[in-house]
C-alpha atoms as a PDB file:
ATOM      1  CA  MET A   1    -141.411-167.930  81.136  1.00  0.00           C
ATOM      2  CA  ASN A   2    -141.121-164.224  82.766  1.00  0.00           C
ATOM      3  CA  ASP A   3    -143.349-162.231  84.650  1.00  0.00           C
ATOM      4  CA  ALA A   4    -143.034-158.361  83.927  1.00  0.00           C
ATOM      5  CA  ALA A   5    -143.083-157.734  87.804  1.00  0.00           C
ATOM      6  CA  ASP A   6    -140.188-160.092  88.398  1.00  0.00           C
ATOM      7  CA  GLU A   7    -137.832-158.082  85.064  1.00  0.00           C
ATOM      8  CA  ARG A   8    -136.418-155.402  87.197  1.00  0.00           C
ATOM      9  CA  GLU A   9    -133.749-152.361  85.643  1.00  0.00           C
ATOM     10  CA  ALA A  10    -130.662-152.563  87.710  1.00  0.00           C
ATOM     11  CA  GLY A  11    -127.685-149.946  87.053  1.00  0.00           C
ATOM     12  CA  HIS A  12    -124.426-150.477  85.652  1.00  0.00           C
ATOM     13  CA  PRO A  13    -121.151-149.127  85.279  1.00  0.00           C
ATOM     14  CA  PHE A  14    -120.615-149.151  81.495  1.00  0.00           C
ATOM     15  CA  LEU A  15    -124.213-148.046  80.664  1.00  0.00           C
ATOM     16  CA  HIS A  16    -125.005-146.063  77.292  1.00  0.00           C
ATOM     17  CA  ARG A  17    -121.506-147.380  76.673  1.00  0.00           C
ATOM     18  CA  ARG A  18    -119.934-149.121  73.739  1.00  0.00           C
ATOM     19  CA  VAL A  19    -118.825-152.453  75.490  1.00  0.00           C
ATOM     20  CA  ARG A  20    -117.493-155.833  74.447  1.00  0.00           C
ATOM     21  CA  ASP A  21    -119.910-159.608  74.647  1.00  0.00           C
ATOM     22  CA  ILE A  22    -117.038-161.741  75.214  1.00  0.00           C
ATOM     23  CA  ALA A  23    -119.081-164.386  74.740  1.00  0.00           C
ATOM     24  CA  SER A  24    -120.018-163.582  70.937  1.00  0.00           C
ATOM     25  CA  GLY A  25    -116.886-161.152  70.239  1.00  0.00           C
ATOM     26  CA  GLY A  26    -120.154-158.206  69.138  1.00  0.00           C
ATOM     27  CA  GLU A  27    -120.075-154.707  70.511  1.00  0.00           C
ATOM     28  CA  GLY A  28    -122.409-152.644  70.717  1.00  0.00           C
ATOM     29  CA  VAL A  29    -123.748-150.044  73.514  1.00  0.00           C
ATOM     30  CA  LEU A  30    -125.024-151.710  76.856  1.00  0.00           C
ATOM     31  CA  THR A  31    -128.730-149.792  76.266  1.00  0.00           C
ATOM     32  CA  ALA A  32    -130.202-151.682  79.584  1.00  0.00           C
ATOM     33  CA  VAL A  33    -129.041-154.274  82.304  1.00  0.00           C
ATOM     34  CA  VAL A  34    -132.138-156.150  83.817  1.00  0.00           C
ATOM     35  CA  HIS A  35    -132.972-158.611  86.437  1.00  0.00           C
ATOM     36  CA  GLU A  36    -134.910-161.982  85.010  1.00  0.00           C
ATOM     37  CA  ARG A  37    -136.161-164.385  87.258  1.00  0.00           C
ATOM     38  CA  HIS A  38    -135.725-168.412  85.728  1.00  0.00           C
ATOM     39  CA  GLY A  39    -137.036-170.958  87.565  1.00  0.00           C
ATOM     40  CA  SER A  40    -135.768-170.123  91.560  1.00  0.00           C
ATOM     41  CA  ARG A  41    -133.025-168.305  89.967  1.00  0.00           C
ATOM     42  CA  LEU A  42    -132.445-164.700  89.522  1.00  0.00           C
ATOM     43  CA  LEU A  43    -130.165-163.356  86.322  1.00  0.00           C
ATOM     44  CA  ARG A  44    -128.655-160.254  85.822  1.00  0.00           C
ATOM     45  CA  ILE A  45    -129.272-160.093  81.782  1.00  0.00           C
ATOM     46  CA  ALA A  46    -127.473-157.190  79.763  1.00  0.00           C
ATOM     47  CA  HIS A  47    -129.254-155.532  76.541  1.00  0.00           C
ATOM     48  CA  ILE A  48    -126.973-154.589  74.263  1.00  0.00           C
ATOM     49  CA  GLN A  49    -127.754-152.719  70.859  1.00  0.00           C
ATOM     50  CA  PRO A  50    -125.157-152.961  67.527  1.00  0.00           C
ATOM     51  CA  ALA A  51    -124.526-150.076  65.578  1.00  0.00           C
ATOM     52  CA  THR A  52    -126.759-151.321  62.853  1.00  0.00           C
ATOM     53  CA  GLY A  53    -128.391-154.772  63.502  1.00  0.00           C
ATOM     54  CA  THR A  54    -130.701-156.596  65.852  1.00  0.00           C
ATOM     55  CA  THR A  55    -129.945-155.794  69.737  1.00  0.00           C
ATOM     56  CA  TRP A  56    -128.951-159.284  71.824  1.00  0.00           C
ATOM     57  CA  THR A  57    -128.956-159.844  75.257  1.00  0.00           C
ATOM     58  CA  THR A  58    -126.421-161.477  77.025  1.00  0.00           C
ATOM     59  CA  ALA A  59    -124.866-162.709  81.159  1.00  0.00           C
ATOM     60  CA  ALA A  60    -123.983-158.943  82.218  1.00  0.00           C
ATOM     61  CA  ASP A  61    -121.192-160.642  83.890  1.00  0.00           C
ATOM     62  CA  ASN A  62    -120.182-161.469  79.517  1.00  0.00           C
ATOM     63  CA  ILE A  63    -120.106-157.732  78.754  1.00  0.00           C
ATOM     64  CA  ARG A  64    -116.636-155.980  79.258  1.00  0.00           C
ATOM     65  CA  PRO A  65    -115.550-152.061  78.294  1.00  0.00           C
ATOM     66  CA  ALA A  66    -114.370-151.625  74.486  1.00  0.00           C
ATOM     67  CA  TRP A  67    -111.574-149.923  73.493  1.00  0.00           C
ATOM     68  CA  GLY A  68    -110.266-148.812  70.542  1.00  0.00           C
ATOM     69  CA  ARG A  69    -111.799-149.318  66.746  1.00  0.00           C
ATOM     70  CA  PRO A  70    -115.113-151.158  67.125  1.00  0.00           C
ATOM     71  CA  ARG A  71    -115.554-154.489  65.220  1.00  0.00           C
ATOM     72  CA  GLN A  72    -117.934-156.147  63.668  1.00  0.00           C
ATOM     73  CA  SER A  73    -120.988-156.708  65.529  1.00  0.00           C
ATOM     74  CA  VAL A  74    -122.929-159.990  65.522  1.00  0.00           C
END
């Protein structure tokens, strides 16, 4: 489990913009990118809020800008 002290918010060029998670195909607004320590590794985790539904997380490297019409989110 992570200690709150291990999580640090990081900036991202798509922050507060509509993005697509290439792992799930879902779309939503990127609300935060945080650094989380998992064992000895420090990972960048993106938090995505869809238009309706529950926020999900994915690796920050999995997000791309969402262009065009919104797609159904996960």
